[in-house]
Amino acid sequence: MINKTKIFIILFLSILIIFAICKPNVELTFNEKDLSPVRMGSNKNYIAFACNVDWGTEYIQSILDIFRNHNVKITFFVSGRWAKNNPEILKEIYSNGHEIGNHGYGHRMHSKINFEENYQEINNTHNIVKNIIGIDMIYFAPPSGDFNEGTLNVADQLGYKTILWNIDTIDWRKDSTSDKIINRVLNKPLEGSIVLMHPKPETIKALPKIIEGIKEKGIEIGSISNVLN
């Protein structure tokens, strides 16, 4: 004869078996940090100029003069090797009130290098710039906009937000005249945009008209921080 204890155990085990069979599948989800690069900002009152500097040193003074005359402060993304070779110019850019960003050390294609090399490119540049002007940069612009998941993770671990662009002047190309550069900017939606530029002679010719055209639309020209805030 089965006693009450055995009946209880059998019922308990039966319930566990039924629960295991009928229990719905539960999919666990995790909130992961969004490491996607920024292509434009949310502040529609501003447009940002991002000037990538790894060459064109001879044109930087003219660019600084134009921005000074128009009371414009932008973001200069400098490579580590350029900053190392041009510390006084970097100091002048910073003293003019411009924001400084990280452009990697040797203008390498970051999707083609491993995790450790990505780390060295970004971290070495960070240390070089900090030793020259005493700041911790927070924005990283990969050369040619080239990156992979490892690049984004390294940048994030080093305290950086990765920055790209949505308006490209393509001023580095030989057939890029000042008129073409002007049209490539002013014919695009401008609010909250990030404009990629470089220190090039045709860019110098185009800048005053670009600045005037943007201001005529009631949009302020500023840095990456301006369009992100």
Protein backbone atom coordinates (compact mmCIF):
# COMPACT_ATOMS: atom_id res chain seq x y z
CA MET A 1 0.00 0.00 0.00
CA ILE A 2 1.36 3.42 -0.95
CA ASN A 3 1.60 5.85 1.98
CA LYS A 4 0.90 9.58 1.86
CA THR A 5 4.59 10.50 1.66
CA LYS A 6 5.13 8.43 -1.49
CA ILE A 7 1.96 9.91 -3.04
CA PHE A 8 3.24 13.42 -2.32
CA ILE A 9 6.62 12.68 -3.87
CA ILE A 10 5.02 11.19 -6.98
CA LEU A 11 2.71 14.17 -7.38
CA PHE A 12 5.59 16.61 -6.88
CA LEU A 13 7.77 14.88 -9.47
CA SER A 14 4.84 14.74 -11.89
CA ILE A 15 4.31 18.49 -11.56
CA LEU A 16 8.03 19.13 -12.21
CA ILE A 17 7.92 16.94 -15.33
CA ILE A 18 4.79 18.66 -16.65
CA PHE A 19 6.35 22.11 -16.00
CA ALA A 20 9.56 21.12 -17.78
CA ILE A 21 7.62 19.89 -20.82
CA CYS A 22 5.22 22.82 -21.04
CA LYS A 23 7.57 25.64 -20.00
CA PRO A 24 7.81 28.23 -22.81
CA ASN A 25 11.19 28.98 -24.35
CA VAL A 26 12.60 32.21 -22.96
CA GLU A 27 15.08 34.14 -25.10
CA LEU A 28 17.58 36.11 -23.04
CA THR A 29 18.42 39.55 -24.37
CA PHE A 30 21.28 41.79 -23.34
CA ASN A 31 21.57 45.55 -23.68
CA GLU A 32 24.78 46.09 -25.61
CA LYS A 33 26.47 49.48 -26.00
CA ASP A 34 25.97 50.98 -29.43
CA LEU A 35 29.42 51.40 -30.97
CA SER A 36 28.17 52.55 -34.38
CA PRO A 37 30.19 55.45 -35.80
CA VAL A 38 28.54 58.87 -35.86
CA ARG A 39 27.81 60.25 -39.34
CA MET A 40 25.84 63.34 -38.33
CA GLY A 41 24.62 65.07 -35.20
CA SER A 42 21.30 65.77 -33.54
CA ASN A 43 21.83 69.52 -33.05
CA LYS A 44 20.22 70.95 -36.19
CA ASN A 45 21.34 74.48 -35.34
CA TYR A 46 24.91 73.49 -36.24
CA ILE A 47 27.00 71.98 -38.99
CA ALA A 48 30.44 70.60 -38.10
CA PHE A 49 33.63 70.83 -40.13
CA ALA A 50 36.03 67.92 -39.61
CA CYS A 51 39.47 68.66 -41.04
CA ASN A 52 41.65 65.53 -41.24
CA VAL A 53 45.36 66.36 -41.03
CA ASP A 54 48.13 63.96 -41.99
CA TRP A 55 49.59 66.11 -44.78
CA GLY A 56 49.05 69.60 -46.21
CA THR A 57 50.91 71.35 -43.40
CA GLU A 58 51.77 74.27 -45.66
CA TYR A 59 48.07 75.14 -46.03
CA ILE A 60 47.02 75.02 -42.39
CA GLN A 61 47.97 78.62 -41.56
CA SER A 62 45.75 79.91 -44.37
CA ILE A 63 42.87 77.75 -43.13
CA LEU A 64 43.34 79.05 -39.59
CA ASP A 65 43.29 82.63 -40.88
CA ILE A 66 39.99 82.05 -42.70
CA PHE A 67 38.35 80.50 -39.65
CA ARG A 68 39.69 83.29 -37.43
CA ASN A 69 38.33 85.98 -39.77
CA HIS A 70 34.89 84.33 -39.76
CA ASN A 71 34.92 83.48 -36.04
CA VAL A 72 34.55 79.76 -36.73
CA LYS A 73 35.84 76.94 -34.51
CA ILE A 74 35.93 73.42 -35.97
CA THR A 75 37.42 69.99 -35.21
CA PHE A 76 40.88 69.09 -36.51
CA PHE A 77 41.57 65.35 -36.54
CA VAL A 78 45.35 64.94 -36.46
CA SER A 79 47.46 61.85 -37.05
CA GLY A 80 50.05 60.94 -34.45
CA ARG A 81 52.99 61.19 -36.82
CA TRP A 82 51.85 64.64 -37.98
CA ALA A 83 51.42 65.88 -34.42
CA LYS A 84 54.84 64.50 -33.47
CA ASN A 85 56.49 66.35 -36.38
CA ASN A 86 54.47 69.58 -36.01
CA PRO A 87 53.95 70.25 -32.28
CA GLU A 88 54.01 74.04 -32.60
CA ILE A 89 51.36 74.07 -35.32
CA LEU A 90 49.21 71.74 -33.23
CA LYS A 91 49.55 74.14 -30.31
CA GLU A 92 48.51 77.03 -32.56
CA ILE A 93 45.43 75.16 -33.82
CA TYR A 94 44.41 74.40 -30.24
CA SER A 95 45.15 77.92 -29.00
CA ASN A 96 42.82 79.25 -31.71
CA GLY A 97 39.98 77.47 -29.94
CA HIS A 98 39.60 74.52 -32.29
CA GLU A 99 38.70 71.05 -31.08
CA ILE A 100 41.34 68.34 -31.56
CA GLY A 101 40.49 64.75 -32.50
CA ASN A 102 42.43 61.53 -33.04
CA HIS A 103 43.16 60.40 -36.63
CA GLY A 104 45.31 57.37 -35.80
CA TYR A 105 49.08 57.39 -35.94
CA GLY A 106 50.18 56.45 -39.45
CA HIS A 107 47.06 56.87 -41.63
CA ARG A 108 46.63 53.09 -41.90
CA MET A 109 43.50 51.27 -43.04
CA HIS A 110 42.11 50.14 -39.71
CA SER A 111 40.01 47.30 -41.11
CA LYS A 112 43.22 45.70 -42.41
CA ILE A 113 45.09 45.62 -39.09
CA ASN A 114 44.57 43.49 -36.01
CA PHE A 115 43.23 44.43 -32.59
CA GLU A 116 46.64 45.21 -31.10
CA GLU A 117 47.65 47.39 -34.05
CA ASN A 118 44.35 49.28 -33.84
CA TYR A 119 45.10 49.89 -30.17
CA GLN A 120 48.61 51.17 -30.88
CA GLU A 121 47.45 53.50 -33.69
CA ILE A 122 44.85 55.20 -31.51
CA ASN A 123 46.61 55.08 -28.14
CA ASN A 124 49.99 56.29 -29.42
CA THR A 125 48.33 59.30 -31.04
CA HIS A 126 46.41 59.99 -27.85
CA ASN A 127 49.62 60.07 -25.81
CA ILE A 128 51.51 62.21 -28.33
CA VAL A 129 48.77 64.86 -28.47
CA LYS A 130 48.32 64.83 -24.70
CA ASN A 131 52.05 65.41 -24.20
CA ILE A 132 51.93 68.40 -26.56
CA ILE A 133 48.74 70.22 -25.55
CA GLY A 134 47.72 68.40 -22.36
CA ILE A 135 44.24 67.20 -23.33
CA ASP A 136 42.44 63.85 -23.56
CA MET A 137 40.80 63.65 -26.98
CA ILE A 138 37.38 61.98 -27.15
CA TYR A 139 36.67 61.69 -30.89
CA PHE A 140 38.37 59.30 -33.32
CA ALA A 141 38.16 59.61 -37.12
CA PRO A 142 39.57 56.53 -38.88
CA PRO A 143 41.58 57.36 -42.02
CA SER A 144 39.45 57.08 -45.17
CA GLY A 145 36.53 56.15 -42.91
CA ASP A 146 37.92 52.61 -42.85
CA PHE A 147 37.18 50.46 -39.79
CA ASN A 148 36.00 47.09 -38.52
CA GLU A 149 34.38 45.85 -35.31
CA GLY A 150 37.79 45.63 -33.66
CA THR A 151 38.44 49.30 -34.45
CA LEU A 152 35.14 50.36 -32.86
CA ASN A 153 35.80 48.26 -29.77
CA VAL A 154 39.33 49.57 -29.31
CA ALA A 155 38.18 53.16 -29.75
CA ASP A 156 35.42 52.65 -27.19
CA GLN A 157 37.78 51.01 -24.68
CA LEU A 158 40.10 54.00 -25.01
CA GLY A 159 37.24 56.41 -24.33
CA TYR A 160 36.54 57.47 -27.91
CA LYS A 161 33.44 57.95 -30.03
CA THR A 162 34.16 57.04 -33.66
CA ILE A 163 33.29 59.82 -36.11
CA LEU A 164 32.60 59.65 -39.85
CA TRP A 165 30.74 62.19 -42.04
CA ASN A 166 27.70 62.62 -44.26
CA ILE A 167 29.08 65.39 -46.53
CA ASP A 168 32.38 64.77 -48.31
CA THR A 169 34.21 67.62 -50.07
CA ILE A 170 36.42 65.04 -51.85
CA ASP A 171 38.95 67.89 -51.87
CA TRP A 172 41.90 65.49 -52.03
CA ARG A 173 41.08 64.49 -55.61
CA LYS A 174 43.06 66.22 -58.34
CA ASP A 175 39.98 67.26 -60.31
CA SER A 176 38.34 68.89 -57.27
CA THR A 177 38.11 72.59 -58.02
CA SER A 178 36.90 75.15 -55.51
CA ASP A 179 33.55 75.39 -57.34
CA LYS A 180 33.04 71.63 -57.13
CA ILE A 181 33.89 71.66 -53.43
CA ILE A 182 31.43 74.50 -52.79
CA ASN A 183 28.63 72.67 -54.62
CA ARG A 184 29.35 69.38 -52.83
CA VAL A 185 28.67 71.12 -49.53
CA LEU A 186 26.00 73.73 -50.18
CA ASN A 187 23.80 71.47 -52.32
CA LYS A 188 23.34 69.01 -49.42
CA PRO A 189 21.06 69.17 -46.36
CA LEU A 190 23.22 71.03 -43.84
CA GLU A 191 21.50 70.87 -40.44
CA GLY A 192 23.43 68.61 -38.06
CA SER A 193 25.77 67.50 -40.83
CA ILE A 194 29.46 66.65 -40.57
CA VAL A 195 31.60 67.94 -43.45
CA LEU A 196 34.87 66.15 -44.22
CA MET A 197 37.69 68.38 -45.46
CA HIS A 198 41.49 68.47 -45.71
CA PRO A 199 44.18 71.16 -45.90
CA LYS A 200 44.26 71.61 -49.69
CA PRO A 201 44.69 74.73 -51.87
CA GLU A 202 41.28 74.41 -53.55
CA THR A 203 39.67 73.99 -50.14
CA ILE A 204 41.20 77.28 -49.07
CA LYS A 205 39.62 78.98 -52.09
CA ALA A 206 36.25 77.36 -51.37
CA LEU A 207 36.02 77.94 -47.62
CA PRO A 208 34.94 81.62 -47.53
CA LYS A 209 32.01 81.01 -49.90
CA ILE A 210 31.03 77.81 -48.07
CA ILE A 211 31.05 79.64 -44.73
CA GLU A 212 29.03 82.54 -46.10
CA GLY A 213 26.54 80.20 -47.79
CA ILE A 214 25.95 78.24 -44.61
CA LYS A 215 25.54 81.34 -42.46
CA GLU A 216 23.02 82.76 -44.93
CA LYS A 217 20.85 79.73 -44.14
CA GLY A 218 20.96 80.62 -40.42
CA ILE A 219 23.11 77.64 -39.46
CA GLU A 220 26.10 77.92 -37.13
CA ILE A 221 29.41 76.33 -38.11
CA GLY A 222 31.20 74.49 -35.34
CA SER A 223 32.88 71.39 -34.01
CA ILE A 224 31.86 67.76 -33.61
CA SER A 225 30.87 68.52 -30.02
CA ASN A 226 28.56 71.28 -31.25
CA VAL A 227 26.53 69.00 -33.53
CA LEU A 228 26.41 66.16 -31.00
CA ASN A 229 25.20 68.25 -28.06
